[in-house]
Protein backbone atom coordinates (compact mmCIF):
# COMPACT_ATOMS: atom_id res chain seq x y z
CA MET A 1 2.53 90.16 164.27
CA ARG A 2 5.81 90.05 166.18
CA HIS A 3 6.32 87.19 168.63
CA LEU A 4 8.28 86.77 171.83
CA ALA A 5 9.84 83.37 172.56
CA ARG A 6 9.69 82.23 176.15
CA THR A 7 11.18 79.00 177.54
CA ILE A 8 10.01 77.13 180.63
CA VAL A 9 12.63 77.06 183.38
CA PHE A 10 14.77 73.93 183.33
CA VAL A 11 14.51 72.04 186.59
CA ALA A 12 17.65 70.10 187.55
CA ILE A 13 16.98 66.60 188.76
CA GLY A 14 19.03 67.03 191.97
CA PRO A 15 16.70 69.49 193.73
CA LEU A 16 13.73 67.45 192.49
CA ILE A 17 15.07 64.27 194.12
CA LYS A 18 15.76 66.20 197.32
CA ASP A 19 12.25 67.65 197.51
CA LEU A 20 10.55 64.35 196.73
CA ARG A 21 12.76 62.60 199.30
CA GLU A 22 11.88 65.15 201.98
CA ALA A 23 8.19 64.96 201.05
CA ALA A 24 8.41 61.18 201.60
CA GLY A 25 10.00 61.77 205.01
CA LEU A 26 13.23 60.00 204.10
CA SER A 27 16.80 60.91 205.04
CA GLN A 28 19.57 60.62 202.47
CA ALA A 29 20.79 57.47 204.21
CA GLU A 30 17.30 55.94 204.13
CA LEU A 31 16.93 56.67 200.41
CA ALA A 32 20.34 55.10 199.78
CA ARG A 33 19.34 51.99 201.73
CA LEU A 34 16.06 51.68 199.80
CA CYS A 35 17.87 51.99 196.47
CA CYS A 36 20.23 49.21 197.52
CA ASP A 37 17.34 46.97 198.60
CA ILE A 38 15.37 47.59 195.41
CA SER A 39 18.32 47.18 193.02
CA GLY A 40 19.99 44.28 194.81
CA ARG A 41 23.26 46.24 194.82
CA THR A 42 25.14 47.68 197.76
CA THR A 43 26.90 50.60 196.10
CA VAL A 44 24.49 53.45 196.93
CA THR A 45 25.56 55.45 199.96
CA ARG A 46 24.32 58.57 201.69
CA GLU A 47 27.24 60.43 200.07
CA MET A 48 26.10 59.29 196.62
CA VAL A 49 22.57 60.55 197.26
CA SER A 50 24.06 63.85 198.39
CA ARG A 51 26.03 64.08 195.14
CA TRP A 52 22.85 63.39 193.14
CA GLU A 53 20.99 66.14 194.97
CA ASN A 54 23.86 68.61 194.62
CA GLY A 55 24.15 67.98 190.89
CA LYS A 56 27.67 66.57 191.21
CA ARG A 57 26.64 63.21 189.81
CA GLN A 58 23.84 62.18 187.45
CA PRO A 59 21.78 59.17 188.64
CA THR A 60 20.87 58.00 185.13
CA PHE A 61 21.21 54.27 185.84
CA TRP A 62 19.51 54.62 189.20
CA LEU A 63 16.41 56.55 188.08
CA PRO A 64 14.00 53.56 188.10
CA HIS A 65 15.24 52.49 191.53
CA ILE A 66 15.01 56.03 192.94
CA ALA A 67 11.48 56.31 191.55
CA ARG A 68 10.43 53.09 193.28
CA ALA A 69 12.04 54.20 196.52
CA LEU A 70 10.23 57.54 196.38
CA ASP A 71 6.97 55.87 195.24
CA VAL A 72 6.62 58.04 192.14
CA ASP A 73 6.38 57.31 188.43
CA VAL A 74 9.85 57.27 186.87
CA ARG A 75 8.61 59.91 184.40
CA VAL A 76 8.54 62.41 187.27
CA LEU A 77 12.33 62.08 187.48
CA GLU A 78 12.82 61.87 183.73
CA LEU A 79 11.06 65.22 183.38
CA GLY A 80 13.59 66.67 185.77
CA GLN A 81 16.31 65.83 183.25
CA ALA A 82 14.51 67.11 180.18
CA ARG A 83 14.65 70.60 178.78
CA ARG A 84 11.11 71.54 177.92
CA ARG A 85 10.33 73.00 174.52
CA ALA A 86 10.06 76.74 174.02
CA PHE A 87 6.64 78.21 173.47
CA VAL A 88 5.69 81.37 171.65
CA LEU A 89 3.73 84.27 173.14
CA PRO A 90 2.11 87.12 171.23
CA ALA A 91 4.26 90.16 171.99
CA LEU A 92 1.60 92.74 171.23
CA SER A 93 -1.37 91.32 173.11
CA GLY A 94 -0.46 92.75 176.53
CA SER A 95 -0.98 89.30 178.06
CA PHE A 96 0.35 85.80 177.64
CA GLY A 97 -2.34 84.99 175.09
CA ALA A 98 -2.72 81.59 173.43
CA LEU A 99 -0.31 78.73 173.89
CA SER A 100 0.96 76.38 171.19
CA PRO A 101 -0.17 73.67 171.37
CA PRO A 102 -3.32 75.23 172.84
CA ASN A 103 -5.67 74.08 175.56
CA LEU A 104 -3.89 70.92 176.66
CA ARG A 105 -6.29 68.31 178.10
CA LEU A 106 -3.90 65.67 179.36
CA PRO A 107 -5.02 63.62 182.38
CA ALA A 108 -4.10 65.44 185.59
CA HIS A 109 -2.64 62.25 187.07
CA SER A 110 -0.17 61.88 184.20
CA HIS A 111 3.16 62.97 185.62
CA ASP A 112 4.70 63.74 182.24
CA SER A 113 2.05 66.45 181.66
CA ALA A 114 3.43 68.71 184.41
CA ALA A 115 5.60 70.89 182.18
CA GLU A 116 2.77 71.32 179.68
CA ILE A 117 0.43 72.32 182.50
CA VAL A 118 2.94 74.98 183.53
CA SER A 119 2.95 76.22 179.94
CA ALA A 120 -0.83 76.53 180.11
CA ILE A 121 -0.64 78.41 183.43
CA ALA A 122 1.91 80.84 181.98
CA ALA A 123 -0.40 81.40 179.02
CA GLY A 124 -3.40 82.10 181.26
CA ASP A 125 -5.17 78.89 180.19
CA THR A 126 -7.13 77.45 183.12
CA GLY A 127 -8.26 74.39 181.15
CA PRO A 128 -5.84 71.69 182.39
CA LEU A 129 -6.15 72.70 186.05
CA ALA A 130 -9.92 73.09 185.87
CA THR A 131 -10.52 69.55 184.64
CA VAL A 132 -9.29 67.01 187.22
CA GLN A 133 -7.79 67.38 190.68
CA THR A 134 -4.04 66.85 190.37
CA SER A 135 -2.01 64.47 192.52
CA HIS A 136 0.49 65.36 195.23
CA GLU A 137 3.42 64.30 193.01
CA THR A 138 2.15 66.31 190.04
CA ASP A 139 1.71 69.39 192.21
CA LEU A 140 5.30 69.04 193.44
CA LEU A 141 6.61 68.93 189.91
CA ILE A 142 4.42 71.79 188.68
CA SER A 143 5.55 73.87 191.63
CA HIS A 144 9.17 73.27 190.63
CA PHE A 145 8.60 74.43 187.07
CA ALA A 146 6.41 77.38 188.07
CA SER A 147 8.58 78.71 190.88
CA GLY A 148 11.04 80.40 188.53
CA ASP A 149 8.43 82.71 187.00
CA ALA A 150 6.90 85.46 189.16
CA ALA A 151 4.02 86.10 186.75
CA THR A 152 3.04 82.42 186.79
CA SER A 153 3.11 82.40 190.59
CA ARG A 154 0.90 85.51 190.73
CA ARG A 155 -1.57 83.91 188.34
CA LEU A 156 -1.84 80.82 190.53
CA VAL A 157 -2.50 82.99 193.59
CA ARG A 158 -5.23 84.81 191.67
CA TRP A 159 -6.81 81.49 190.71
CA LEU A 160 -7.25 80.75 194.42
CA GLU A 161 -10.02 83.34 194.27
CA GLU A 162 -11.80 82.59 191.03
CA GLY A 163 -13.10 79.82 188.80
CA PRO A 164 -14.46 76.36 189.56
CA ALA A 165 -13.56 74.50 192.75
CA VAL A 166 -11.21 72.09 190.96
CA LEU A 167 -9.18 75.00 189.56
CA ARG A 168 -9.03 76.67 192.96
CA VAL A 169 -7.93 73.54 194.84
CA ASN A 170 -5.30 72.70 192.19
CA ALA A 171 -3.91 76.23 192.41
CA CYS A 172 -3.95 75.88 196.19
CA GLY A 173 -2.06 72.59 196.06
CA ILE A 174 0.65 74.02 193.81
CA VAL A 175 1.06 77.28 195.73
CA ALA A 176 1.13 75.41 199.06
CA LYS A 177 4.28 73.63 197.86
CA SER A 178 6.13 76.82 196.97
CA ALA A 179 9.39 77.75 198.67
CA ARG A 180 8.13 81.33 199.15
CA PRO A 181 6.36 81.75 202.53
CA GLU A 182 4.26 84.72 201.39
CA LEU A 183 2.76 82.59 198.61
CA VAL A 184 2.28 79.58 200.85
CA ASP A 185 0.41 81.69 203.39
CA SER A 186 -2.12 82.69 200.71
CA ALA A 187 -2.78 79.00 200.02
CA THR A 188 -3.38 78.06 203.64
CA HIS A 189 -5.52 81.16 204.09
CA ALA A 190 -7.65 79.92 201.17
CA LEU A 191 -8.04 76.57 202.91
CA ARG A 192 -9.48 78.28 205.97
CA ARG A 193 -11.94 80.58 204.20
CA ASP A 194 -13.05 78.51 201.15
CA HIS A 195 -15.00 75.41 202.19
CA GLU A 196 -14.88 73.88 198.69
CA ILE A 197 -11.08 74.06 198.53
CA ARG A 198 -10.93 72.81 202.11
CA ASP A 199 -13.18 69.80 201.53
CA LEU A 200 -11.30 68.69 198.40
CA TYR A 201 -7.86 69.15 199.97
CA LEU A 202 -8.85 67.35 203.18
CA ARG A 203 -10.15 64.44 201.16
CA ALA A 204 -6.97 64.30 199.06
CA VAL A 205 -4.72 64.27 202.13
CA GLY A 206 -6.84 61.60 203.79
CA ASN A 207 -6.75 59.43 200.68
CA ARG A 208 -2.99 59.86 200.26
CA VAL A 209 -1.71 59.33 203.81
CA GLY A 210 -4.70 57.81 205.59
CA THR A 211 -6.64 59.13 208.56
CA SER A 212 -4.90 57.33 211.41
CA PRO A 213 -3.43 59.64 214.08
CA GLN A 214 0.06 58.26 213.41
CA ALA A 215 -0.09 59.04 209.69
CA LEU A 216 -1.55 62.51 210.27
CA ILE A 217 1.04 63.36 212.92
CA LYS A 218 3.80 62.43 210.47
CA GLU A 219 2.17 64.65 207.82
CA LEU A 220 2.27 67.60 210.25
CA TYR A 221 5.96 67.79 209.36
CA ASN A 222 5.71 67.40 205.57
CA PRO A 223 8.37 69.96 204.52
CA ARG A 224 7.07 70.47 200.99
CA ASP A 225 3.32 70.86 201.50
CA ALA A 226 2.04 73.47 203.93
CA GLY A 227 -1.49 72.68 202.80
CA ALA A 228 -1.09 69.06 203.86
CA ARG A 229 0.25 70.23 207.23
CA TRP A 230 -2.83 72.47 207.66
CA CYS A 231 -5.18 69.64 206.68
CA SER A 232 -3.44 67.17 208.97
CA ALA A 233 -3.93 69.50 211.92
CA MET A 234 -7.62 69.82 211.05
CA LEU A 235 -8.08 66.07 210.64
CA LEU A 236 -6.38 65.43 213.99
CA ARG A 237 -9.33 67.19 215.67
CA ASP A 238 -11.17 63.92 215.15
CA HIS A 239 -8.63 62.16 217.40
CA PRO A 240 -8.54 64.19 220.61
CA ASP A 241 -6.09 62.59 223.03
CA GLU A 242 -2.85 63.36 224.81
CA SER A 243 -0.56 62.20 221.99
CA THR A 244 -2.43 64.29 219.43
CA THR A 245 -2.30 67.36 221.66
CA SER A 246 1.43 66.88 222.23
CA ALA A 247 2.03 66.51 218.50
CA LEU A 248 0.10 69.68 217.72
CA ARG A 249 2.01 71.61 220.38
CA ALA A 250 5.30 70.40 218.94
CA ALA A 251 4.20 71.31 215.40
CA LEU A 252 3.19 74.77 216.63
CA ARG A 253 6.78 75.40 217.72
CA SER A 254 8.28 74.34 214.38
CA GLU A 255 5.66 75.58 211.90
CA PRO A 256 6.99 78.46 209.72
CA ILE A 257 3.72 79.54 208.06
CA SER A 258 1.69 82.14 209.98
CA GLU A 259 -1.73 80.88 208.86
CA ASN A 260 -0.83 77.35 209.96
CA ILE A 261 0.38 78.68 213.32
CA ARG A 262 -2.94 80.46 213.77
CA THR A 263 -4.93 77.33 212.85
CA ILE A 264 -2.98 74.98 215.14
CA GLY A 265 -3.25 77.47 218.01
CA MET A 266 -7.02 77.69 217.61
CA ILE A 267 -7.36 73.90 217.46
CA LEU A 268 -5.40 73.59 220.71
CA SER A 269 -7.71 76.20 222.25
CA GLY A 270 -10.79 74.24 221.20
CA VAL A 271 -11.87 76.84 218.64
CA ASP A 272 -12.88 76.02 215.06
CA PRO A 273 -10.38 77.89 212.84
CA CYS A 274 -12.86 78.12 209.98
CA ILE A 275 -15.64 79.99 211.78
């Protein structure tokens, strides 16, 4: 049988640092200041962070300090520097077929499994994503690797509709972090119509950022997770007051995803978006 070699897209570390920084709500200057505080050195500047993110300078020495500042495992950043191995697909099967090594069962919270999980997605193997709910950081990394392959993105969107709840919510979490609005909208639409996805995602957001109004209002502006923005708006219904209403109105003006706009508008009108 003939075989077709396919290689996972290499993700440069610069865009990865930028996205993780924005997801943490930090400016370049704030990340620089944190790196200085953590390392005990004073040489990191906003301009240096900009050069890291633009790929003009490699932050090899600074990786552990950047990881601490961004509150992620250093392996998340190390993966951004590593070229992932090629995998082989059967050319005659008419589908992605089996992956080598097959049926990876690495813990979903293990950050260094992200590239392998993407390999499984590309091969049509639901196993890794159907086992354990993945973390916010893992979803960010998987989204990076998956975003360069249209077929992989389509498969994730399809998995929003089928399979066990854990598979559906993991697919939702990855798609919700895509840079493509049409894909993101399908994830937030799934949150509204699928109560199992909704319950798991709401719980994950609450566990990650807390349920205080201040934390949820900040999450309304998470630039890399439209699903978290949707969930934050829903969780803020439990805190009806003037500050919450003002925050939702402000988010309504800045929100780019149509399903999120619809949901926030209904919440402000006193209507349950999920009915």
